[in-house]
Amino acid sequence: MVIMVGLPARGKTYISTKLTRYLNWIGTPTKVFNLGQYRREAVSYKNYEFFLPDNMEALLIRKQCALAALKDVHSYLSHEEGRVAVFDATNTTRERRSLILQFAKEHGYKVFFIESICNDPEVIAENIRQVKLGSPDYIDCDREKVLEDFLKRIECYEVNYQPLDDELDSHLSYIKIFDVGTRYMVNRVQDHIQSRTVYYLMNIHVTPRSIYLCRHGESELNLRGRIGGDSGLSARGKQYAYALANFIQSQGISSLKVWTSHMKRTIQTAEALGVPYEQWKALNEIDAGVCEEMTYEEIQEHYPEEFALRDQDKYRYRYPKGESYEDLVQRLEPVIMELERQENVLVICHQAVMRCLLAYFLDKSSDELPYLKCPLHTVLKLTPVAYAKIGAECITKVSATVERAAKGDTGTEYTIKTSAGARRATKADTGSKCATKLALELGDPPM
């Protein structure tokens, strides 16, 4: 169990969601149990008085909600094959944390605490503006009244707040995060998952930035419908490389870093930019083993059993003497860690690699990952937001220009200008449908 600790507006839900996304991506089934959702199901919110320390009726309701959430945690960890449950609540008193520890002891669960401590009023105010104004507690409420009520809610918690204590809690496993990562305190890390959690949390940051993902330009083997290999760019691939260079230059992106794989087609694409780039072997395309440089028709003809196995479980299927998507995710973990540390980055990679990276940032399951649309000659711009969902934009293509690309979730529309005129592509899956439209135009072979 991962137990969040901290006053309201300290980024606990942001940390919970981000950590859960990471653990699921590396193959550790994880689920968030947000106590606020249980409370909203039990009672409608009126104002901060619900959280007053002397509101006995509300205290009872809040405890019952905590017990209901813990019951669901037990069901998830013991009966639903879950491995990590993230208990997202304030848990600001020793009494509440003792209740959780007793529950964990009874069921044989390990406990790791994550305490977020922030005393910077600007950070707190920004969190309230970005998240709490859109909270279900404050639907159709006046902005100023929301801010006033939430600040009073924080004051209610401050009265009885008991942070994790260096001496009294020295036997517990925990990490303390101070002021959004300016300082950390780590105590008694006990296992592999706790170790990876600490390493991950010490790499993330909330500095505004954008991550640009694209595949290399079309290669000679792409033209022939053959997978893998290490061929150079086709004529159209070179055209894309120069178009990409013009696009990146037009954006005026500060301190942009460019990453490629060790393969010719990504390096040739990057060289057109005329800027330094860093090569990552981890970004190499999935290894197709004995199927390298074959067409899918040839694979079906020469390895019919393998072809059928791949269709049954595309994520876990491993090419003979090659890799699976599951292997690729493990290979890409250091890349994800470094991406979390960086600011503006352009990653020029390959289809399977881009799918894995997108699955991490867009929180896609292993079942969805192998089918994410990542067409050639398309750039996806990811904009991580400190306390909200990642924005994703499909922003450029060699034979089309984007007239308008508004960020958002389900229902965002894109107007794509082509030689045949403008038409719309509805973004119903954070970029995937927009990408699907472009992929159909390119006739890009699946991978």
Protein backbone atom coordinates (compact mmCIF):
# COMPACT_ATOMS: atom_id res chain seq x y z
CA MET A 1 0.00 0.00 0.00
CA VAL A 2 1.15 3.51 -0.84
CA ILE A 3 -0.33 6.02 1.59
CA MET A 4 -0.43 9.72 0.73
CA VAL A 5 0.03 12.25 3.54
CA GLY A 6 -0.34 16.02 3.45
CA LEU A 7 -2.57 19.04 3.68
CA PRO A 8 -5.03 19.81 0.85
CA ALA A 9 -3.61 21.46 -2.30
CA ARG A 10 -0.19 19.83 -1.91
CA GLY A 11 -0.34 17.79 -5.11
CA LYS A 12 -1.18 14.44 -3.50
CA THR A 13 -3.66 13.45 -6.20
CA TYR A 14 -1.23 14.55 -8.91
CA ILE A 15 1.49 12.38 -7.38
CA SER A 16 -0.94 9.47 -6.89
CA THR A 17 -2.13 9.57 -10.48
CA LYS A 18 1.34 9.97 -11.96
CA LEU A 19 2.85 7.19 -9.84
CA THR A 20 -0.04 4.86 -10.68
CA ARG A 21 0.44 5.54 -14.39
CA TYR A 22 4.15 4.72 -14.12
CA LEU A 23 3.69 1.52 -12.12
CA ASN A 24 0.99 0.25 -14.47
CA TRP A 25 3.21 1.04 -17.46
CA ILE A 26 6.09 -1.07 -16.10
CA GLY A 27 3.69 -3.96 -15.50
CA THR A 28 2.81 -3.54 -11.81
CA PRO A 29 -1.03 -3.48 -11.53
CA THR A 30 -1.83 -0.36 -9.50
CA LYS A 31 -5.01 1.52 -8.64
CA VAL A 32 -5.76 4.81 -6.89
CA PHE A 33 -8.36 4.93 -4.12
CA ASN A 34 -9.30 8.59 -3.73
CA LEU A 35 -11.06 9.23 -0.45
CA GLY A 36 -12.65 12.42 -1.78
CA GLN A 37 -14.68 10.33 -4.24
CA TYR A 38 -15.97 8.12 -1.42
CA ARG A 39 -16.93 11.20 0.59
CA ARG A 40 -18.77 12.77 -2.36
CA GLU A 41 -20.75 9.56 -2.86
CA ALA A 42 -21.71 9.56 0.82
CA VAL A 43 -22.69 13.20 1.24
CA SER A 44 -23.03 16.33 -0.90
CA TYR A 45 -20.53 19.09 -0.19
CA LYS A 46 -21.81 22.44 1.12
CA ASN A 47 -18.82 24.30 2.53
CA TYR A 48 -15.64 24.07 4.60
CA GLU A 49 -17.60 23.52 7.83
CA PHE A 50 -17.79 19.82 6.96
CA PHE A 51 -14.06 19.65 7.75
CA LEU A 52 -14.13 21.51 11.06
CA PRO A 53 -12.28 19.42 13.69
CA ASP A 54 -15.25 19.64 16.08
CA ASN A 55 -17.87 18.56 13.52
CA MET A 56 -18.48 15.13 15.08
CA GLU A 57 -21.12 14.02 12.59
CA ALA A 58 -18.79 14.79 9.68
CA LEU A 59 -15.86 13.09 11.42
CA LEU A 60 -17.92 9.90 11.65
CA ILE A 61 -18.84 10.10 7.96
CA ARG A 62 -15.21 10.67 6.99
CA LYS A 63 -14.08 7.67 9.04
CA GLN A 64 -16.76 5.48 7.48
CA CYS A 65 -15.60 6.59 4.03
CA ALA A 66 -12.01 5.68 4.93
CA LEU A 67 -13.12 2.22 6.09
CA ALA A 68 -15.12 1.72 2.88
CA ALA A 69 -12.07 2.68 0.82
CA LEU A 70 -9.86 0.31 2.81
CA LYS A 71 -12.37 -2.48 2.22
CA ASP A 72 -12.05 -1.87 -1.52
CA VAL A 73 -8.26 -1.81 -1.17
CA HIS A 74 -8.44 -5.27 0.42
CA SER A 75 -10.65 -6.54 -2.39
CA TYR A 76 -8.28 -5.16 -5.03
CA LEU A 77 -5.07 -6.50 -3.48
CA SER A 78 -6.41 -9.85 -2.32
CA HIS A 79 -9.01 -10.80 -4.92
CA GLU A 80 -8.40 -8.78 -8.10
CA GLU A 81 -4.69 -9.46 -8.70
CA GLY A 82 -3.71 -5.90 -7.84
CA ARG A 83 -0.18 -5.39 -6.55
CA VAL A 84 -0.18 -1.76 -5.38
CA ALA A 85 -3.04 0.30 -3.95
CA VAL A 86 -2.51 4.05 -3.65
CA PHE A 87 -4.61 5.48 -0.80
CA ASP A 88 -5.08 9.11 -1.84
CA ALA A 89 -6.23 11.12 1.17
CA THR A 90 -4.85 13.69 3.60
CA ASN A 91 -4.09 11.14 6.37
CA THR A 92 -2.79 14.06 8.43
CA THR A 93 -3.25 12.59 11.93
CA ARG A 94 -1.33 9.85 13.66
CA GLU A 95 -4.67 8.28 14.60
CA ARG A 96 -5.71 7.90 10.95
CA ARG A 97 -2.31 6.55 9.93
CA SER A 98 -2.41 4.07 12.84
CA LEU A 99 -5.77 2.81 11.61
CA ILE A 100 -4.27 2.23 8.15
CA LEU A 101 -1.18 0.53 9.58
CA GLN A 102 -3.35 -1.80 11.67
CA PHE A 103 -5.42 -2.65 8.59
CA ALA A 104 -2.26 -3.39 6.59
CA LYS A 105 -0.84 -5.55 9.38
CA GLU A 106 -4.02 -7.63 9.60
CA HIS A 107 -3.90 -8.38 5.87
CA GLY A 108 -0.14 -8.70 5.47
CA TYR A 109 0.38 -5.63 3.27
CA LYS A 110 3.55 -3.57 3.19
CA VAL A 111 3.07 0.17 3.67
CA PHE A 112 4.98 3.05 2.10
CA PHE A 113 4.10 6.67 2.94
CA ILE A 114 4.50 9.62 0.58
CA GLU A 115 4.20 12.96 2.37
CA SER A 116 3.99 16.13 0.30
CA ILE A 117 4.97 19.23 2.27
CA CYS A 118 4.65 22.65 0.66
CA ASN A 119 4.85 26.04 2.34
CA ASP A 120 5.15 28.11 -0.83
CA PRO A 121 1.92 30.15 -1.08
CA GLU A 122 2.34 30.62 -4.85
CA VAL A 123 2.52 26.87 -5.47
CA ILE A 124 -0.49 26.25 -3.23
CA ALA A 125 -2.49 28.99 -4.96
CA GLU A 126 -1.61 27.60 -8.40
CA ASN A 127 -2.73 24.12 -7.35
CA ILE A 128 -6.05 25.52 -6.15
CA ARG A 129 -6.51 27.45 -9.41
CA GLN A 130 -5.68 24.51 -11.68
CA VAL A 131 -7.47 21.72 -9.83
CA LYS A 132 -9.85 22.77 -7.12
CA LEU A 133 -11.77 25.27 -9.25
CA GLY A 134 -12.81 22.31 -11.42
CA SER A 135 -13.47 19.96 -8.51
CA PRO A 136 -16.89 18.27 -8.23
CA ASP A 137 -17.16 20.02 -4.84
CA TYR A 138 -17.33 23.40 -6.56
CA ILE A 139 -19.38 22.93 -9.71
CA ASP A 140 -21.01 26.22 -10.83
CA CYS A 141 -19.44 28.10 -7.91
CA ASP A 142 -18.00 31.60 -8.03
CA ARG A 143 -14.21 31.60 -8.39
CA GLU A 144 -13.54 33.89 -5.44
CA LYS A 145 -15.91 31.96 -3.18
CA VAL A 146 -14.17 28.71 -4.13
CA LEU A 147 -10.76 30.12 -3.21
CA GLU A 148 -12.07 31.48 0.08
CA ASP A 149 -13.82 28.24 1.02
CA PHE A 150 -10.88 26.04 0.11
CA LEU A 151 -8.39 28.13 2.08
CA LYS A 152 -10.67 27.75 5.10
CA ARG A 153 -10.78 24.00 4.46
CA ILE A 154 -6.98 23.93 4.59
CA GLU A 155 -7.11 25.79 7.92
CA CYS A 156 -9.40 23.07 9.28
CA TYR A 157 -6.76 20.45 8.53
CA GLU A 158 -3.87 22.55 9.83
CA VAL A 159 -5.32 22.48 13.36
CA ASN A 160 -4.64 18.74 13.80
CA TYR A 161 -1.91 18.16 11.20
CA GLN A 162 0.79 15.80 12.49
CA PRO A 163 3.55 15.31 9.89
CA LEU A 164 5.58 12.13 9.79
CA ASP A 165 8.14 12.44 12.58
CA ASP A 166 11.82 11.59 12.13
CA GLU A 167 11.97 9.91 15.55
CA LEU A 168 8.44 8.66 16.25
CA ASP A 169 8.08 7.24 12.73
CA SER A 170 11.65 6.08 12.21
CA HIS A 171 10.42 2.48 11.86
CA LEU A 172 8.19 3.36 8.88
CA SER A 173 9.05 3.39 5.18
CA TYR A 174 8.46 6.79 3.62
CA ILE A 175 9.58 9.63 1.40
CA LYS A 176 8.97 13.28 2.22
CA ILE A 177 8.79 15.66 -0.73
CA PHE A 178 9.40 19.30 0.16
CA ASP A 179 8.15 22.21 -1.97
CA VAL A 180 7.50 20.26 -5.17
CA GLY A 181 10.84 18.46 -5.19
CA THR A 182 13.34 21.04 -3.93
CA ARG A 183 14.31 18.59 -1.19
CA TYR A 184 13.59 14.95 -0.26
CA MET A 185 13.84 12.81 2.84
CA VAL A 186 13.79 9.03 2.40
CA ASN A 187 13.51 6.49 5.21
CA ARG A 188 13.67 2.67 5.27
CA VAL A 189 13.06 1.71 1.64
CA GLN A 190 12.37 -2.02 1.88
CA ASP A 191 11.71 -3.57 -1.50
CA HIS A 192 11.94 -3.26 -5.26
CA ILE A 193 8.65 -1.41 -5.75
CA GLN A 194 9.44 1.10 -2.99
CA SER A 195 12.88 1.66 -4.49
CA ARG A 196 11.46 2.30 -7.97
CA THR A 197 8.81 4.56 -6.49
CA VAL A 198 11.43 6.71 -4.75
CA TYR A 199 13.60 6.90 -7.86
CA TYR A 200 10.61 7.90 -9.97
CA LEU A 201 9.37 10.56 -7.55
CA MET A 202 12.83 12.10 -7.37
CA ASN A 203 12.90 12.50 -11.16
CA ILE A 204 9.55 14.16 -11.84
CA HIS A 205 9.05 17.92 -11.85
CA VAL A 206 6.30 20.44 -12.62
CA THR A 207 8.25 22.93 -14.76
CA PRO A 208 6.19 23.85 -17.87
CA ARG A 209 7.58 22.08 -20.95
CA SER A 210 6.64 20.22 -24.11
CA ILE A 211 7.68 16.81 -25.39
CA TYR A 212 7.56 16.32 -29.16
CA LEU A 213 7.34 12.75 -30.43
CA CYS A 214 7.68 11.68 -34.03
CA ARG A 215 8.89 8.80 -36.12
CA HIS A 216 11.75 9.05 -38.58
CA GLY A 217 11.02 10.04 -42.14
CA GLU A 218 9.87 7.33 -44.50
CA SER A 219 12.65 4.79 -45.10
CA GLU A 220 13.50 2.66 -48.11
CA LEU A 221 12.23 -0.43 -46.27
CA ASN A 222 8.98 1.39 -45.41
CA LEU A 223 8.44 1.85 -49.14
CA ARG A 224 8.82 -1.89 -49.66
CA GLY A 225 6.54 -2.80 -46.75
CA ARG A 226 9.35 -4.50 -44.83
CA ILE A 227 9.72 -4.29 -41.06
CA GLY A 228 12.83 -3.47 -39.07
CA GLY A 229 16.22 -3.27 -40.73
CA ASP A 230 18.48 -0.23 -40.83
CA SER A 231 17.83 1.44 -44.15
CA GLY A 232 18.18 5.13 -44.92
CA LEU A 233 15.48 7.64 -45.80
CA SER A 234 13.50 7.57 -49.04
CA ALA A 235 13.06 10.74 -51.11
CA ARG A 236 9.82 11.49 -49.28
CA GLY A 237 11.50 10.75 -45.96
CA LYS A 238 14.15 13.36 -46.73
CA GLN A 239 11.42 15.82 -47.65
CA TYR A 240 9.84 15.22 -44.25
CA ALA A 241 13.18 15.74 -42.48
CA TYR A 242 13.49 19.23 -43.97
CA ALA A 243 9.83 20.01 -43.26
CA LEU A 244 10.39 18.94 -39.65
CA ALA A 245 13.43 21.23 -39.44
CA ASN A 246 11.39 24.18 -40.72
CA PHE A 247 8.59 23.42 -38.28
CA ILE A 248 10.89 23.14 -35.25
CA GLN A 249 12.67 26.35 -36.20
CA SER A 250 9.34 28.17 -36.55
CA GLN A 251 8.32 27.17 -33.03
CA GLY A 252 11.19 29.02 -31.34
CA ILE A 253 11.45 26.35 -28.63
CA SER A 254 13.91 27.32 -25.92
CA SER A 255 16.71 24.90 -24.97
CA LEU A 256 15.28 22.09 -27.11
CA LYS A 257 17.07 18.76 -26.83
CA VAL A 258 16.87 16.28 -29.71
CA TRP A 259 17.09 12.53 -29.16
CA THR A 260 17.35 9.78 -31.78
CA SER A 261 17.96 6.05 -31.86
CA HIS A 262 21.18 4.53 -33.21
CA MET A 263 19.48 3.72 -36.51
CA LYS A 264 20.21 5.50 -39.80
CA ARG A 265 16.67 6.65 -40.48
CA THR A 266 16.31 8.58 -37.21
CA ILE A 267 19.83 10.03 -37.44
CA GLN A 268 19.26 11.22 -41.01
CA THR A 269 15.98 12.81 -39.92
CA ALA A 270 17.72 14.64 -37.07
CA GLU A 271 20.67 15.80 -39.18
CA ALA A 272 18.33 17.94 -41.28
CA LEU A 273 17.60 19.98 -38.14
CA GLY A 274 21.15 21.30 -38.10
CA VAL A 275 21.37 21.14 -34.30
CA PRO A 276 23.19 18.79 -31.89
CA TYR A 277 21.36 15.56 -31.11
CA GLU A 278 21.85 12.70 -28.67
CA GLN A 279 21.70 9.06 -29.75
CA TRP A 280 19.98 6.51 -27.49
CA LYS A 281 20.35 2.81 -28.19
CA ALA A 282 17.29 2.30 -25.98
CA LEU A 283 15.26 4.15 -28.64
CA ASN A 284 16.06 1.56 -31.33
CA GLU A 285 13.05 -0.07 -32.98
CA ILE A 286 11.68 -3.31 -31.56
CA ASP A 287 13.90 -6.23 -32.59
CA ALA A 288 11.92 -8.47 -34.95
CA GLY A 289 14.51 -11.24 -34.69
CA VAL A 290 14.31 -13.75 -37.54
CA CYS A 291 11.55 -11.63 -39.10
CA GLU A 292 13.74 -8.55 -39.65
CA GLU A 293 13.33 -7.02 -43.12
CA MET A 294 10.43 -9.35 -43.99
CA THR A 295 6.95 -8.29 -45.11
CA TYR A 296 3.96 -9.42 -43.04
CA GLU A 297 2.91 -11.65 -45.95
CA GLU A 298 6.31 -13.36 -45.84
CA ILE A 299 6.07 -13.81 -42.07
CA GLN A 300 2.64 -15.40 -42.45
CA GLU A 301 3.97 -17.71 -45.17
CA HIS A 302 7.22 -18.78 -43.47
CA TYR A 303 6.17 -18.59 -39.80
CA PRO A 304 2.37 -19.18 -39.73
CA GLU A 305 2.36 -20.26 -36.06
CA GLU A 306 4.30 -17.17 -35.00
CA PHE A 307 2.00 -14.97 -37.05
CA ALA A 308 -1.03 -16.44 -35.25
CA LEU A 309 0.59 -16.12 -31.81
CA ARG A 310 1.31 -12.45 -32.45
CA ASP A 311 -2.35 -11.82 -33.21
CA GLN A 312 -3.41 -13.51 -29.96
CA ASP A 313 -1.31 -11.32 -27.64
CA LYS A 314 0.52 -8.58 -29.47
CA TYR A 315 1.88 -6.98 -26.29
CA ARG A 316 3.58 -10.10 -24.90
CA TYR A 317 4.40 -11.83 -28.17
CA ARG A 318 8.17 -12.06 -28.67
CA TYR A 319 9.63 -12.45 -32.14
CA PRO A 320 11.92 -15.53 -32.39
CA LYS A 321 15.37 -14.25 -31.35
CA GLY A 322 13.79 -10.82 -30.99
CA GLU A 323 11.72 -8.71 -28.61
CA SER A 324 8.14 -8.17 -27.44
CA TYR A 325 6.43 -4.90 -26.60
CA GLU A 326 6.75 -5.95 -22.97
CA ASP A 327 10.53 -6.20 -23.43
CA LEU A 328 10.55 -2.83 -25.15
CA VAL A 329 8.80 -1.13 -22.22
CA GLN A 330 11.51 -2.39 -19.87
CA ARG A 331 14.18 -1.14 -22.28
CA LEU A 332 12.54 2.29 -22.43
CA GLU A 333 12.21 2.85 -18.68
CA PRO A 334 15.51 4.81 -18.47
CA VAL A 335 14.28 6.98 -21.35
CA ILE A 336 11.06 7.75 -19.46
CA MET A 337 13.02 8.64 -16.33
CA GLU A 338 15.21 11.03 -18.30
CA LEU A 339 12.21 12.53 -20.12
CA GLU A 340 10.65 13.24 -16.73
CA ARG A 341 13.81 15.09 -15.69
CA GLN A 342 14.11 17.16 -18.86
CA GLU A 343 12.26 20.21 -20.14
CA ASN A 344 11.68 20.60 -23.91
CA VAL A 345 12.63 17.48 -25.88
CA LEU A 346 12.08 16.24 -29.45
CA VAL A 347 12.26 12.44 -29.65
CA ILE A 348 12.74 11.06 -33.17
CA CYS A 349 12.10 7.35 -32.88
CA HIS A 350 10.23 4.38 -34.36
CA GLN A 351 6.63 3.16 -34.41
CA ALA A 352 6.79 0.53 -31.65
CA VAL A 353 8.95 2.81 -29.50
CA MET A 354 6.60 5.75 -29.98
CA ARG A 355 3.65 3.55 -29.02
CA CYS A 356 5.35 2.63 -25.75
CA LEU A 357 6.18 6.26 -24.94
CA LEU A 358 2.65 7.42 -25.78
CA ALA A 359 1.13 4.66 -23.67
CA TYR A 360 3.07 5.98 -20.69
CA PHE A 361 2.14 9.63 -21.16
CA LEU A 362 -1.49 8.99 -22.13
CA ASP A 363 -2.05 6.24 -19.54
CA LYS A 364 -2.93 3.50 -22.01
CA SER A 365 -3.15 -0.15 -20.96
CA SER A 366 -0.89 -2.91 -22.26
CA ASP A 367 -3.83 -4.16 -24.33
CA GLU A 368 -4.19 -0.76 -26.02
CA LEU A 369 -0.48 -0.01 -26.41
CA PRO A 370 0.33 -2.12 -29.52
CA TYR A 371 -2.54 -0.55 -31.44
CA LEU A 372 -1.88 3.16 -30.80
CA LYS A 373 -1.75 5.09 -34.07
CA CYS A 374 1.69 6.57 -34.73
CA PRO A 375 1.80 7.39 -38.45
CA LEU A 376 4.83 8.53 -40.39
CA HIS A 377 5.40 12.23 -40.99
CA THR A 378 3.37 13.33 -37.98
CA VAL A 379 4.52 15.15 -34.85
CA LEU A 380 2.69 14.73 -31.55
CA LYS A 381 3.18 17.45 -28.96
CA LEU A 382 2.66 16.42 -25.33
CA THR A 383 2.28 19.16 -22.75
CA PRO A 384 2.42 17.83 -19.18
CA VAL A 385 0.45 20.09 -16.85
CA ALA A 386 1.38 20.12 -13.18
CA TYR A 387 -2.02 19.33 -11.70
CA ALA A 388 -4.11 18.21 -14.66
CA LYS A 389 -4.22 15.76 -17.56
CA ILE A 390 -1.55 15.83 -20.24
CA GLY A 391 -2.55 17.82 -23.29
CA ALA A 392 -1.82 16.15 -26.63
CA GLU A 393 -1.77 17.77 -30.05
CA CYS A 394 -1.31 16.35 -33.51
CA ILE A 395 0.49 19.32 -34.97
CA THR A 396 2.15 18.77 -38.33
CA LYS A 397 2.45 16.54 -41.38
CA VAL A 398 4.58 16.86 -44.50
CA SER A 399 1.66 17.04 -46.94
CA ALA A 400 -0.76 18.85 -44.65
CA THR A 401 -0.74 21.83 -42.34
CA VAL A 402 -2.82 22.22 -39.23
CA GLU A 403 -5.08 25.25 -39.39
CA ARG A 404 -6.23 24.90 -35.77
CA ALA A 405 -5.19 22.47 -33.07
CA ALA A 406 -6.84 23.11 -29.74
CA LYS A 407 -5.78 21.07 -26.72
CA GLY A 408 -8.25 19.14 -24.62
CA ASP A 409 -9.89 15.82 -23.96
CA THR A 410 -12.70 13.97 -25.72
CA GLY A 411 -14.29 15.90 -28.56
CA THR A 412 -11.44 18.23 -29.57
CA GLU A 413 -11.57 18.96 -33.29
CA TYR A 414 -8.72 19.50 -35.74
CA THR A 415 -9.01 21.16 -39.12
CA ILE A 416 -6.49 19.62 -41.52
CA LYS A 417 -5.75 21.49 -44.75
CA THR A 418 -4.96 19.22 -47.68
CA SER A 419 -4.84 19.68 -51.43
CA ALA A 420 -8.44 18.48 -51.51
CA GLY A 421 -9.52 21.18 -49.08
CA ALA A 422 -10.18 21.33 -45.37
CA ARG A 423 -11.84 18.54 -43.41
CA ARG A 424 -12.24 17.67 -39.75
CA ALA A 425 -10.81 14.86 -37.66
CA THR A 426 -12.41 14.46 -34.24
CA LYS A 427 -9.96 13.70 -31.45
CA ALA A 428 -11.94 11.27 -29.30
CA ASP A 429 -8.98 9.50 -27.75
CA THR A 430 -6.33 12.14 -26.95
CA GLY A 431 -4.77 12.18 -30.37
CA SER A 432 -5.41 8.69 -31.66
CA LYS A 433 -8.22 9.50 -34.10
CA CYS A 434 -6.43 12.50 -35.51
CA ALA A 435 -3.41 10.25 -36.00
CA THR A 436 -5.59 7.59 -37.59
CA LYS A 437 -6.75 10.00 -40.28
CA LEU A 438 -3.20 10.94 -41.19
CA ALA A 439 -2.05 7.32 -41.17
CA LEU A 440 -4.72 6.44 -43.69
CA GLU A 441 -3.46 9.15 -46.03
CA LEU A 442 0.10 7.86 -45.77
CA GLY A 443 -0.77 4.20 -46.15
CA ASP A 444 1.76 3.40 -43.45
CA PRO A 445 2.20 -0.35 -42.82
CA PRO A 446 1.23 -1.47 -39.29
CA MET A 447 3.91 -2.72 -36.88
